[in-house]
Amino acid sequence: MMRKTTSQNSLKHIPQRTCLACREVKDKSQLVRLVHLADGQTEIDITGKKKGRGAYLCRVKPCWETGLKKKTLLEHNLRTVLTPDNLEQLINAGKKIYLEGRDG
């Protein structure tokens, strides 16, 4: 039986997720998670650890515009129906993310 070397054991698993808009697979830390909570609201999950159904978007304006414009795609992934107020909150929160220059 062959033994693994120390360098093989020290490789850390990095979770991968797919952007809802551009369909690119990236490190989870490079994406922003949208989460549908038990209370019916959908919000941005900065920590990536809130309980609920999640969907991911890149930290760039085109992905946010596409992801939120295609409301049915987002609703399908989150298994919910977004209210106009909730959608407006996500749009405004998304602007802060990509306007601050955090483009992953």
PDB file of N, CA and C in Angstrom:
ATOM      1  N   MET A   1       0.839  -1.171   0.000  1.00  0.00           N
ATOM      2  CA  MET A   1       0.000   0.000   0.000  1.00  0.00           C
ATOM      3  C   MET A   1       0.890   1.242   0.000  1.00  0.00           C
ATOM      4  N   MET A   2       0.521   2.230  -0.842  1.00  0.00           N
ATOM      5  CA  MET A   2       1.305   3.455  -0.945  1.00  0.00           C
ATOM      6  C   MET A   2       0.783   4.483   0.059  1.00  0.00           C
ATOM      7  N   ARG A   3       1.699   5.226   0.624  1.00  0.00           N
ATOM      8  CA  ARG A   3       1.327   6.281   1.569  1.00  0.00           C
ATOM      9  C   ARG A   3       1.268   7.606   0.833  1.00  0.00           C
ATOM     10  N   LYS A   4       0.350   8.451   1.265  1.00  0.00           N
ATOM     11  CA  LYS A   4       0.273   9.788   0.695  1.00  0.00           C
ATOM     12  C   LYS A   4       1.367  10.647   1.314  1.00  0.00           C
ATOM     13  N   THR A   5       1.906  11.526   0.508  1.00  0.00           N
ATOM     14  CA  THR A   5       2.921  12.422   1.042  1.00  0.00           C
ATOM     15  C   THR A   5       2.246  13.553   1.799  1.00  0.00           C
ATOM     16  N   THR A   6       3.018  14.248   2.588  1.00  0.00           N
ATOM     17  CA  THR A   6       2.496  15.340   3.399  1.00  0.00           C
ATOM     18  C   THR A   6       1.871  16.417   2.532  1.00  0.00           C
ATOM     19  N   SER A   7       2.458  16.716   1.384  1.00  0.00           N
ATOM     20  CA  SER A   7       1.924  17.778   0.530  1.00  0.00           C
ATOM     21  C   SER A   7       0.540  17.415   0.002  1.00  0.00           C
ATOM     22  N   GLN A   8       0.257  16.136  -0.234  1.00  0.00           N
ATOM     23  CA  GLN A   8      -1.061  15.731  -0.700  1.00  0.00           C
ATOM     24  C   GLN A   8      -2.098  15.865   0.410  1.00  0.00           C
ATOM     25  N   ASN A   9      -1.703  15.628   1.634  1.00  0.00           N
ATOM     26  CA  ASN A   9      -2.622  15.726   2.767  1.00  0.00           C
ATOM     27  C   ASN A   9      -2.936  17.173   3.130  1.00  0.00           C
ATOM     28  N   SER A  10      -2.056  18.100   2.804  1.00  0.00           N
ATOM     29  CA  SER A  10      -2.243  19.480   3.222  1.00  0.00           C
ATOM     30  C   SER A  10      -3.113  20.288   2.255  1.00  0.00           C
ATOM     31  N   LEU A  11      -3.528  19.706   1.137  1.00  0.00           N
ATOM     32  CA  LEU A  11      -4.403  20.417   0.213  1.00  0.00           C
ATOM     33  C   LEU A  11      -5.788  20.541   0.826  1.00  0.00           C
ATOM     34  N   LYS A  12      -6.280  21.775   0.877  1.00  0.00           N
ATOM     35  CA  LYS A  12      -7.574  22.026   1.492  1.00  0.00           C
ATOM     36  C   LYS A  12      -8.652  22.077   0.412  1.00  0.00           C
ATOM     37  N   HIS A  13      -9.769  21.448   0.702  1.00  0.00           N
ATOM     38  CA  HIS A  13     -10.893  21.466  -0.224  1.00  0.00           C
ATOM     39  C   HIS A  13     -11.500  22.871  -0.255  1.00  0.00           C
ATOM     40  N   ILE A  14     -11.693  23.424  -1.443  1.00  0.00           N
ATOM     41  CA  ILE A  14     -12.324  24.729  -1.607  1.00  0.00           C
ATOM     42  C   ILE A  14     -13.671  24.509  -2.276  1.00  0.00           C
ATOM     43  N   PRO A  15     -14.769  24.835  -1.568  1.00  0.00           N
ATOM     44  CA  PRO A  15     -16.097  24.622  -2.141  1.00  0.00           C
ATOM     45  C   PRO A  15     -16.298  25.431  -3.426  1.00  0.00           C
ATOM     46  N   GLN A  16     -16.942  24.837  -4.400  1.00  0.00           N
ATOM     47  CA  GLN A  16     -17.225  25.474  -5.675  1.00  0.00           C
ATOM     48  C   GLN A  16     -18.730  25.679  -5.807  1.00  0.00           C
ATOM     49  N   ARG A  17     -19.130  26.810  -6.399  1.00  0.00           N
ATOM     50  CA  ARG A  17     -20.532  27.093  -6.659  1.00  0.00           C
ATOM     51  C   ARG A  17     -20.651  27.683  -8.058  1.00  0.00           C
ATOM     52  N   THR A  18     -21.862  27.662  -8.598  1.00  0.00           N
ATOM     53  CA  THR A  18     -22.117  28.162  -9.940  1.00  0.00           C
ATOM     54  C   THR A  18     -22.926  29.449  -9.861  1.00  0.00           C
ATOM     55  N   CYS A  19     -22.485  30.467 -10.594  1.00  0.00           N
ATOM     56  CA  CYS A  19     -23.215  31.730 -10.663  1.00  0.00           C
ATOM     57  C   CYS A  19     -24.517  31.492 -11.418  1.00  0.00           C
ATOM     58  N   LEU A  20     -25.597  31.971 -10.871  1.00  0.00           N
ATOM     59  CA  LEU A  20     -26.919  31.820 -11.449  1.00  0.00           C
ATOM     60  C   LEU A  20     -27.011  32.485 -12.824  1.00  0.00           C
ATOM     61  N   ALA A  21     -26.321  33.597 -13.014  1.00  0.00           N
ATOM     62  CA  ALA A  21     -26.435  34.371 -14.244  1.00  0.00           C
ATOM     63  C   ALA A  21     -25.498  33.900 -15.356  1.00  0.00           C
ATOM     64  N   CYS A  22     -24.203  33.849 -15.071  1.00  0.00           N
ATOM     65  CA  CYS A  22     -23.223  33.520 -16.124  1.00  0.00           C
ATOM     66  C   CYS A  22     -22.893  32.037 -16.193  1.00  0.00           C
ATOM     67  N   ARG A  23     -23.339  31.267 -15.191  1.00  0.00           N
ATOM     68  CA  ARG A  23     -23.141  29.814 -15.122  1.00  0.00           C
ATOM     69  C   ARG A  23     -21.673  29.408 -14.963  1.00  0.00           C
ATOM     70  N   GLU A  24     -20.796  30.330 -14.556  1.00  0.00           N
ATOM     71  CA  GLU A  24     -19.398  29.988 -14.313  1.00  0.00           C
ATOM     72  C   GLU A  24     -19.242  29.377 -12.928  1.00  0.00           C
ATOM     73  N   VAL A  25     -18.431  28.342 -12.841  1.00  0.00           N
ATOM     74  CA  VAL A  25     -18.133  27.709 -11.553  1.00  0.00           C
ATOM     75  C   VAL A  25     -16.929  28.427 -10.957  1.00  0.00           C
ATOM     76  N   LYS A  26     -17.101  28.911  -9.731  1.00  0.00           N
ATOM     77  CA  LYS A  26     -16.042  29.657  -9.048  1.00  0.00           C
ATOM     78  C   LYS A  26     -15.964  29.197  -7.602  1.00  0.00           C
ATOM     79  N   ASP A  27     -14.900  29.629  -6.923  1.00  0.00           N
ATOM     80  CA  ASP A  27     -14.800  29.375  -5.491  1.00  0.00           C
ATOM     81  C   ASP A  27     -15.979  30.045  -4.801  1.00  0.00           C
ATOM     82  N   LYS A  28     -16.532  29.389  -3.812  1.00  0.00           N
ATOM     83  CA  LYS A  28     -17.685  29.919  -3.081  1.00  0.00           C
ATOM     84  C   LYS A  28     -17.402  31.317  -2.537  1.00  0.00           C
ATOM     85  N   SER A  29     -16.171  31.560  -2.112  1.00  0.00           N
ATOM     86  CA  SER A  29     -15.808  32.853  -1.529  1.00  0.00           C
ATOM     87  C   SER A  29     -15.827  33.992  -2.549  1.00  0.00           C
ATOM     88  N   GLN A  30     -15.804  33.679  -3.841  1.00  0.00           N
ATOM     89  CA  GLN A  30     -15.828  34.699  -4.877  1.00  0.00           C
ATOM     90  C   GLN A  30     -17.246  35.108  -5.270  1.00  0.00           C
ATOM     91  N   LEU A  31     -18.229  34.414  -4.756  1.00  0.00           N
ATOM     92  CA  LEU A  31     -19.617  34.672  -5.112  1.00  0.00           C
ATOM     93  C   LEU A  31     -20.396  35.223  -3.923  1.00  0.00           C
ATOM     94  N   VAL A  32     -21.550  35.804  -4.211  1.00  0.00           N
ATOM     95  CA  VAL A  32     -22.443  36.308  -3.173  1.00  0.00           C
ATOM     96  C   VAL A  32     -23.652  35.391  -3.128  1.00  0.00           C
ATOM     97  N   ARG A  33     -24.029  35.001  -1.929  1.00  0.00           N
ATOM     98  CA  ARG A  33     -25.158  34.084  -1.755  1.00  0.00           C
ATOM     99  C   ARG A  33     -26.429  34.865  -1.475  1.00  0.00           C
ATOM    100  N   LEU A  34     -27.473  34.529  -2.200  1.00  0.00           N
ATOM    101  CA  LEU A  34     -28.817  35.009  -1.906  1.00  0.00           C
ATOM    102  C   LEU A  34     -29.522  33.850  -1.229  1.00  0.00           C
ATOM    103  N   VAL A  35     -30.229  34.126  -0.153  1.00  0.00           N
ATOM    104  CA  VAL A  35     -30.844  33.045   0.609  1.00  0.00           C
ATOM    105  C   VAL A  35     -32.316  33.348   0.859  1.00  0.00           C
ATOM    106  N   HIS A  36     -33.146  32.331   0.678  1.00  0.00           N
ATOM    107  CA  HIS A  36     -34.569  32.418   0.998  1.00  0.00           C
ATOM    108  C   HIS A  36     -34.743  31.882   2.408  1.00  0.00           C
ATOM    109  N   LEU A  37     -35.188  32.750   3.305  1.00  0.00           N
ATOM    110  CA  LEU A  37     -35.307  32.404   4.719  1.00  0.00           C
ATOM    111  C   LEU A  37     -36.668  31.800   5.030  1.00  0.00           C
ATOM    112  N   ALA A  38     -36.771  31.178   6.179  1.00  0.00           N
ATOM    113  CA  ALA A  38     -38.008  30.528   6.604  1.00  0.00           C
ATOM    114  C   ALA A  38     -39.159  31.525   6.762  1.00  0.00           C
ATOM    115  N   ASP A  39     -38.835  32.802   7.036  1.00  0.00           N
ATOM    116  CA  ASP A  39     -39.890  33.807   7.207  1.00  0.00           C
ATOM    117  C   ASP A  39     -40.442  34.323   5.876  1.00  0.00           C
ATOM    118  N   GLY A  40     -39.926  33.805   4.768  1.00  0.00           N
ATOM    119  CA  GLY A  40     -40.433  34.173   3.450  1.00  0.00           C
ATOM    120  C   GLY A  40     -39.629  35.241   2.741  1.00  0.00           C
ATOM    121  N   GLN A  41     -38.704  35.884   3.432  1.00  0.00           N
ATOM    122  CA  GLN A  41     -37.884  36.921   2.824  1.00  0.00           C
ATOM    123  C   GLN A  41     -36.681  36.310   2.119  1.00  0.00           C
ATOM    124  N   THR A  42     -36.177  37.027   1.136  1.00  0.00           N
ATOM    125  CA  THR A  42     -34.941  36.650   0.457  1.00  0.00           C
ATOM    126  C   THR A  42     -33.971  37.795   0.666  1.00  0.00           C
ATOM    127  N   GLU A  43     -32.750  37.469   1.077  1.00  0.00           N
ATOM    128  CA  GLU A  43     -31.759  38.503   1.342  1.00  0.00           C
ATOM    129  C   GLU A  43     -30.369  38.017   0.970  1.00  0.00           C
ATOM    130  N   ILE A  44     -29.430  38.953   1.019  1.00  0.00           N
ATOM    131  CA  ILE A  44     -28.031  38.632   0.758  1.00  0.00           C
ATOM    132  C   ILE A  44     -27.441  38.045   2.026  1.00  0.00           C
ATOM    133  N   ASP A  45     -26.730  36.941   1.854  1.00  0.00           N
ATOM    134  CA  ASP A  45     -26.092  36.256   2.975  1.00  0.00           C
ATOM    135  C   ASP A  45     -24.585  36.452   2.861  1.00  0.00           C
ATOM    136  N   ILE A  46     -24.086  37.473   3.507  1.00  0.00           N
ATOM    137  CA  ILE A  46     -22.660  37.791   3.438  1.00  0.00           C
ATOM    138  C   ILE A  46     -21.807  36.662   4.007  1.00  0.00           C
ATOM    139  N   THR A  47     -22.261  36.044   5.079  1.00  0.00           N
ATOM    140  CA  THR A  47     -21.476  34.987   5.717  1.00  0.00           C
ATOM    141  C   THR A  47     -21.533  33.679   4.936  1.00  0.00           C
ATOM    142  N   GLY A  48     -22.593  33.491   4.160  1.00  0.00           N
ATOM    143  CA  GLY A  48     -22.760  32.247   3.415  1.00  0.00           C
ATOM    144  C   GLY A  48     -23.185  31.079   4.287  1.00  0.00           C
ATOM    145  N   LYS A  49     -23.665  31.368   5.509  1.00  0.00           N
ATOM    146  CA  LYS A  49     -23.979  30.301   6.448  1.00  0.00           C
ATOM    147  C   LYS A  49     -25.407  30.331   6.987  1.00  0.00           C
ATOM    148  N   LYS A  50     -26.216  31.283   6.514  1.00  0.00           N
ATOM    149  CA  LYS A  50     -27.589  31.349   7.011  1.00  0.00           C
ATOM    150  C   LYS A  50     -28.374  30.138   6.534  1.00  0.00           C
ATOM    151  N   LYS A  51     -29.333  29.723   7.361  1.00  0.00           N
ATOM    152  CA  LYS A  51     -30.162  28.578   6.994  1.00  0.00           C
ATOM    153  C   LYS A  51     -31.176  29.003   5.953  1.00  0.00           C
ATOM    154  N   GLY A  52     -31.306  28.198   4.927  1.00  0.00           N
ATOM    155  CA  GLY A  52     -32.283  28.484   3.885  1.00  0.00           C
ATOM    156  C   GLY A  52     -31.761  28.074   2.527  1.00  0.00           C
ATOM    157  N   ARG A  53     -32.631  28.133   1.558  1.00  0.00           N
ATOM    158  CA  ARG A  53     -32.304  27.775   0.183  1.00  0.00           C
ATOM    159  C   ARG A  53     -31.472  28.896  -0.429  1.00  0.00           C
ATOM    160  N   GLY A  54     -30.357  28.565  -1.044  1.00  0.00           N
ATOM    161  CA  GLY A  54     -29.456  29.582  -1.565  1.00  0.00           C
ATOM    162  C   GLY A  54     -29.245  29.531  -3.063  1.00  0.00           C
ATOM    163  N   ALA A  55     -28.846  30.675  -3.599  1.00  0.00           N
ATOM    164  CA  ALA A  55     -28.434  30.819  -4.997  1.00  0.00           C
ATOM    165  C   ALA A  55     -27.254  31.792  -4.995  1.00  0.00           C
ATOM    166  N   TYR A  56     -26.385  31.685  -5.978  1.00  0.00           N
ATOM    167  CA  TYR A  56     -25.154  32.470  -5.984  1.00  0.00           C
ATOM    168  C   TYR A  56     -25.048  33.349  -7.220  1.00  0.00           C
ATOM    169  N   LEU A  57     -24.468  34.544  -7.034  1.00  0.00           N
ATOM    170  CA  LEU A  57     -24.182  35.475  -8.123  1.00  0.00           C
ATOM    171  C   LEU A  57     -22.754  35.981  -7.985  1.00  0.00           C
ATOM    172  N   CYS A  58     -22.118  36.256  -9.128  1.00  0.00           N
ATOM    173  CA  CYS A  58     -20.791  36.873  -9.115  1.00  0.00           C
ATOM    174  C   CYS A  58     -20.909  38.285  -8.556  1.00  0.00           C
ATOM    175  N   ARG A  59     -19.781  38.852  -8.177  1.00  0.00           N
ATOM    176  CA  ARG A  59     -19.759  40.197  -7.608  1.00  0.00           C
ATOM    177  C   ARG A  59     -19.573  41.261  -8.692  1.00  0.00           C
ATOM    178  N   VAL A  60     -20.158  41.065  -9.849  1.00  0.00           N
ATOM    179  CA  VAL A  60     -20.040  42.030 -10.943  1.00  0.00           C
ATOM    180  C   VAL A  60     -21.436  42.450 -11.412  1.00  0.00           C
ATOM    181  N   LYS A  61     -21.526  43.676 -11.898  1.00  0.00           N
ATOM    182  CA  LYS A  61     -22.803  44.265 -12.287  1.00  0.00           C
ATOM    183  C   LYS A  61     -23.568  43.441 -13.318  1.00  0.00           C
ATOM    184  N   PRO A  62     -22.942  42.956 -14.403  1.00  0.00           N
ATOM    185  CA  PRO A  62     -23.717  42.200 -15.397  1.00  0.00           C
ATOM    186  C   PRO A  62     -24.408  40.960 -14.818  1.00  0.00           C
ATOM    187  N   CYS A  63     -23.762  40.277 -13.912  1.00  0.00           N
ATOM    188  CA  CYS A  63     -24.368  39.085 -13.314  1.00  0.00           C
ATOM    189  C   CYS A  63     -25.547  39.465 -12.416  1.00  0.00           C
ATOM    190  N   TRP A  64     -25.418  40.556 -11.669  1.00  0.00           N
ATOM    191  CA  TRP A  64     -26.527  40.996 -10.819  1.00  0.00           C
ATOM    192  C   TRP A  64     -27.706  41.435 -11.661  1.00  0.00           C
ATOM    193  N   GLU A  65     -27.421  42.175 -12.738  1.00  0.00           N
ATOM    194  CA  GLU A  65     -28.512  42.632 -13.593  1.00  0.00           C
ATOM    195  C   GLU A  65     -29.230  41.451 -14.237  1.00  0.00           C
ATOM    196  N   THR A  66     -28.473  40.496 -14.749  1.00  0.00           N
ATOM    197  CA  THR A  66     -29.073  39.318 -15.375  1.00  0.00           C
ATOM    198  C   THR A  66     -29.812  38.465 -14.357  1.00  0.00           C
ATOM    199  N   GLY A  67     -29.183  38.223 -13.219  1.00  0.00           N
ATOM    200  CA  GLY A  67     -29.782  37.375 -12.198  1.00  0.00           C
ATOM    201  C   GLY A  67     -31.079  37.920 -11.637  1.00  0.00           C
ATOM    202  N   LEU A  68     -31.140  39.247 -11.471  1.00  0.00           N
ATOM    203  CA  LEU A  68     -32.348  39.849 -10.923  1.00  0.00           C
ATOM    204  C   LEU A  68     -33.369  40.190 -11.999  1.00  0.00           C
ATOM    205  N   LYS A  69     -32.906  40.386 -13.230  1.00  0.00           N
ATOM    206  CA  LYS A  69     -33.830  40.647 -14.329  1.00  0.00           C
ATOM    207  C   LYS A  69     -34.612  39.383 -14.670  1.00  0.00           C
ATOM    208  N   LYS A  70     -33.923  38.261 -14.627  1.00  0.00           N
ATOM    209  CA  LYS A  70     -34.570  36.968 -14.881  1.00  0.00           C
ATOM    210  C   LYS A  70     -35.139  36.460 -13.558  1.00  0.00           C
ATOM    211  N   LYS A  71     -36.138  37.177 -13.096  1.00  0.00           N
ATOM    212  CA  LYS A  71     -36.733  36.902 -11.790  1.00  0.00           C
ATOM    213  C   LYS A  71     -37.217  35.462 -11.668  1.00  0.00           C
ATOM    214  N   THR A  72     -37.762  34.906 -12.741  1.00  0.00           N
ATOM    215  CA  THR A  72     -38.282  33.535 -12.676  1.00  0.00           C
ATOM    216  C   THR A  72     -37.164  32.531 -12.443  1.00  0.00           C
ATOM    217  N   LEU A  73     -35.989  32.790 -13.011  1.00  0.00           N
ATOM    218  CA  LEU A  73     -34.840  31.900 -12.795  1.00  0.00           C
ATOM    219  C   LEU A  73     -34.409  31.938 -11.328  1.00  0.00           C
ATOM    220  N   LEU A  74     -34.348  33.131 -10.771  1.00  0.00           N
ATOM    221  CA  LEU A  74     -33.988  33.276  -9.361  1.00  0.00           C
ATOM    222  C   LEU A  74     -35.041  32.620  -8.471  1.00  0.00           C
ATOM    223  N   GLU A  75     -36.303  32.853  -8.786  1.00  0.00           N
ATOM    224  CA  GLU A  75     -37.380  32.260  -7.997  1.00  0.00           C
ATOM    225  C   GLU A  75     -37.348  30.737  -8.081  1.00  0.00           C
ATOM    226  N   HIS A  76     -37.050  30.218  -9.248  1.00  0.00           N
ATOM    227  CA  HIS A  76     -36.969  28.763  -9.410  1.00  0.00           C
ATOM    228  C   HIS A  76     -35.852  28.180  -8.548  1.00  0.00           C
ATOM    229  N   ASN A  77     -34.691  28.820  -8.564  1.00  0.00           N
ATOM    230  CA  ASN A  77     -33.555  28.320  -7.779  1.00  0.00           C
ATOM    231  C   ASN A  77     -33.780  28.446  -6.283  1.00  0.00           C
ATOM    232  N   LEU A  78     -34.475  29.497  -5.870  1.00  0.00           N
ATOM    233  CA  LEU A  78     -34.735  29.693  -4.443  1.00  0.00           C
ATOM    234  C   LEU A  78     -36.027  29.024  -3.990  1.00  0.00           C
ATOM    235  N   ARG A  79     -36.787  28.512  -4.966  1.00  0.00           N
ATOM    236  CA  ARG A  79     -38.072  27.858  -4.692  1.00  0.00           C
ATOM    237  C   ARG A  79     -39.013  28.767  -3.907  1.00  0.00           C
ATOM    238  N   THR A  80     -39.198  29.976  -4.443  1.00  0.00           N
ATOM    239  CA  THR A  80     -40.052  30.970  -3.810  1.00  0.00           C
ATOM    240  C   THR A  80     -40.602  31.921  -4.862  1.00  0.00           C
ATOM    241  N   VAL A  81     -41.467  32.816  -4.443  1.00  0.00           N
ATOM    242  CA  VAL A  81     -41.951  33.904  -5.283  1.00  0.00           C
ATOM    243  C   VAL A  81     -41.517  35.196  -4.607  1.00  0.00           C
ATOM    244  N   LEU A  82     -40.789  36.034  -5.346  1.00  0.00           N
ATOM    245  CA  LEU A  82     -40.293  37.287  -4.791  1.00  0.00           C
ATOM    246  C   LEU A  82     -41.347  38.375  -4.897  1.00  0.00           C
ATOM    247  N   THR A  83     -41.532  39.109  -3.818  1.00  0.00           N
ATOM    248  CA  THR A  83     -42.436  40.260  -3.851  1.00  0.00           C
ATOM    249  C   THR A  83     -41.696  41.419  -4.513  1.00  0.00           C
ATOM    250  N   PRO A  84     -42.421  42.396  -5.055  1.00  0.00           N
ATOM    251  CA  PRO A  84     -41.746  43.563  -5.646  1.00  0.00           C
ATOM    252  C   PRO A  84     -40.836  44.276  -4.639  1.00  0.00           C
ATOM    253  N   ASP A  85     -41.277  44.374  -3.382  1.00  0.00           N
ATOM    254  CA  ASP A  85     -40.446  45.015  -2.352  1.00  0.00           C
ATOM    255  C   ASP A  85     -39.162  44.235  -2.098  1.00  0.00           C
ATOM    256  N   ASN A  86     -39.286  42.919  -2.031  1.00  0.00           N
ATOM    257  CA  ASN A  86     -38.115  42.074  -1.774  1.00  0.00           C
ATOM    258  C   ASN A  86     -37.135  42.162  -2.945  1.00  0.00           C
ATOM    259  N   LEU A  87     -37.657  42.182  -4.173  1.00  0.00           N
ATOM    260  CA  LEU A  87     -36.804  42.304  -5.355  1.00  0.00           C
ATOM    261  C   LEU A  87     -36.078  43.645  -5.350  1.00  0.00           C
ATOM    262  N   GLU A  88     -36.777  44.709  -4.984  1.00  0.00           N
ATOM    263  CA  GLU A  88     -36.173  46.039  -4.919  1.00  0.00           C
ATOM    264  C   GLU A  88     -35.052  46.072  -3.866  1.00  0.00           C
ATOM    265  N   GLN A  89     -35.261  45.425  -2.735  1.00  0.00           N
ATOM    266  CA  GLN A  89     -34.231  45.349  -1.695  1.00  0.00           C
ATOM    267  C   GLN A  89     -32.988  44.633  -2.223  1.00  0.00           C
ATOM    268  N   LEU A  90     -33.179  43.545  -2.960  1.00  0.00           N
ATOM    269  CA  LEU A  90     -32.044  42.806  -3.515  1.00  0.00           C
ATOM    270  C   LEU A  90     -31.295  43.643  -4.553  1.00  0.00           C
ATOM    271  N   ILE A  91     -32.026  44.377  -5.375  1.00  0.00           N
ATOM    272  CA  ILE A  91     -31.396  45.228  -6.383  1.00  0.00           C
ATOM    273  C   ILE A  91     -30.538  46.295  -5.702  1.00  0.00           C
ATOM    274  N   ASN A  92     -31.087  46.953  -4.688  1.00  0.00           N
ATOM    275  CA  ASN A  92     -30.340  47.997  -3.971  1.00  0.00           C
ATOM    276  C   ASN A  92     -29.138  47.427  -3.234  1.00  0.00           C
ATOM    277  N   ALA A  93     -29.285  46.282  -2.614  1.00  0.00           N
ATOM    278  CA  ALA A  93     -28.163  45.646  -1.908  1.00  0.00           C
ATOM    279  C   ALA A  93     -27.094  45.212  -2.907  1.00  0.00           C
ATOM    280  N   GLY A  94     -27.512  44.721  -4.058  1.00  0.00           N
ATOM    281  CA  GLY A  94     -26.558  44.312  -5.093  1.00  0.00           C
ATOM    282  C   GLY A  94     -25.744  45.479  -5.603  1.00  0.00           C
ATOM    283  N   LYS A  95     -26.364  46.647  -5.734  1.00  0.00           N
ATOM    284  CA  LYS A  95     -25.638  47.843  -6.192  1.00  0.00           C
ATOM    285  C   LYS A  95     -24.488  48.165  -5.251  1.00  0.00           C
ATOM    286  N   LYS A  96     -24.700  48.012  -3.967  1.00  0.00           N
ATOM    287  CA  LYS A  96     -23.635  48.286  -2.995  1.00  0.00           C
ATOM    288  C   LYS A  96     -22.471  47.327  -3.197  1.00  0.00           C
ATOM    289  N   ILE A  97     -22.773  46.090  -3.534  1.00  0.00           N
ATOM    290  CA  ILE A  97     -21.724  45.082  -3.692  1.00  0.00           C
ATOM    291  C   ILE A  97     -20.859  45.374  -4.910  1.00  0.00           C
ATOM    292  N   TYR A  98     -21.481  45.622  -6.072  1.00  0.00           N
ATOM    293  CA  TYR A  98     -20.634  45.820  -7.248  1.00  0.00           C
ATOM    294  C   TYR A  98     -20.164  47.258  -7.394  1.00  0.00           C
ATOM    295  N   LEU A  99     -20.804  48.237  -6.769  1.00  0.00           N
ATOM    296  CA  LEU A  99     -20.322  49.622  -6.842  1.00  0.00           C
ATOM    297  C   LEU A  99     -19.128  49.856  -5.932  1.00  0.00           C
ATOM    298  N   GLU A 100     -18.976  49.036  -4.911  1.00  0.00           N
ATOM    299  CA  GLU A 100     -17.830  49.175  -4.019  1.00  0.00           C
ATOM    300  C   GLU A 100     -16.557  48.589  -4.624  1.00  0.00           C
ATOM    301  N   GLY A 101     -16.655  48.090  -5.832  1.00  0.00           N
ATOM    302  CA  GLY A 101     -15.473  47.600  -6.528  1.00  0.00           C
ATOM    303  C   GLY A 101     -15.031  46.218  -6.120  1.00  0.00           C
ATOM    304  N   ARG A 102     -15.883  45.459  -5.447  1.00  0.00           N
ATOM    305  CA  ARG A 102     -15.529  44.103  -5.045  1.00  0.00           C
ATOM    306  C   ARG A 102     -15.943  43.141  -6.159  1.00  0.00           C
ATOM    307  N   ASP A 103     -15.206  43.133  -7.227  1.00  0.00           N
ATOM    308  CA  ASP A 103     -15.598  42.308  -8.371  1.00  0.00           C
ATOM    309  C   ASP A 103     -14.849  40.998  -8.436  1.00  0.00           C
ATOM    310  N   GLY A 104     -14.752  40.330  -7.308  1.00  0.00           N
ATOM    311  CA  GLY A 104     -14.267  38.976  -7.151  1.00  0.00           C
ATOM    312  C   GLY A 104     -13.053  38.663  -7.864  1.00  0.00           C
TER     313      GLY A 104
END
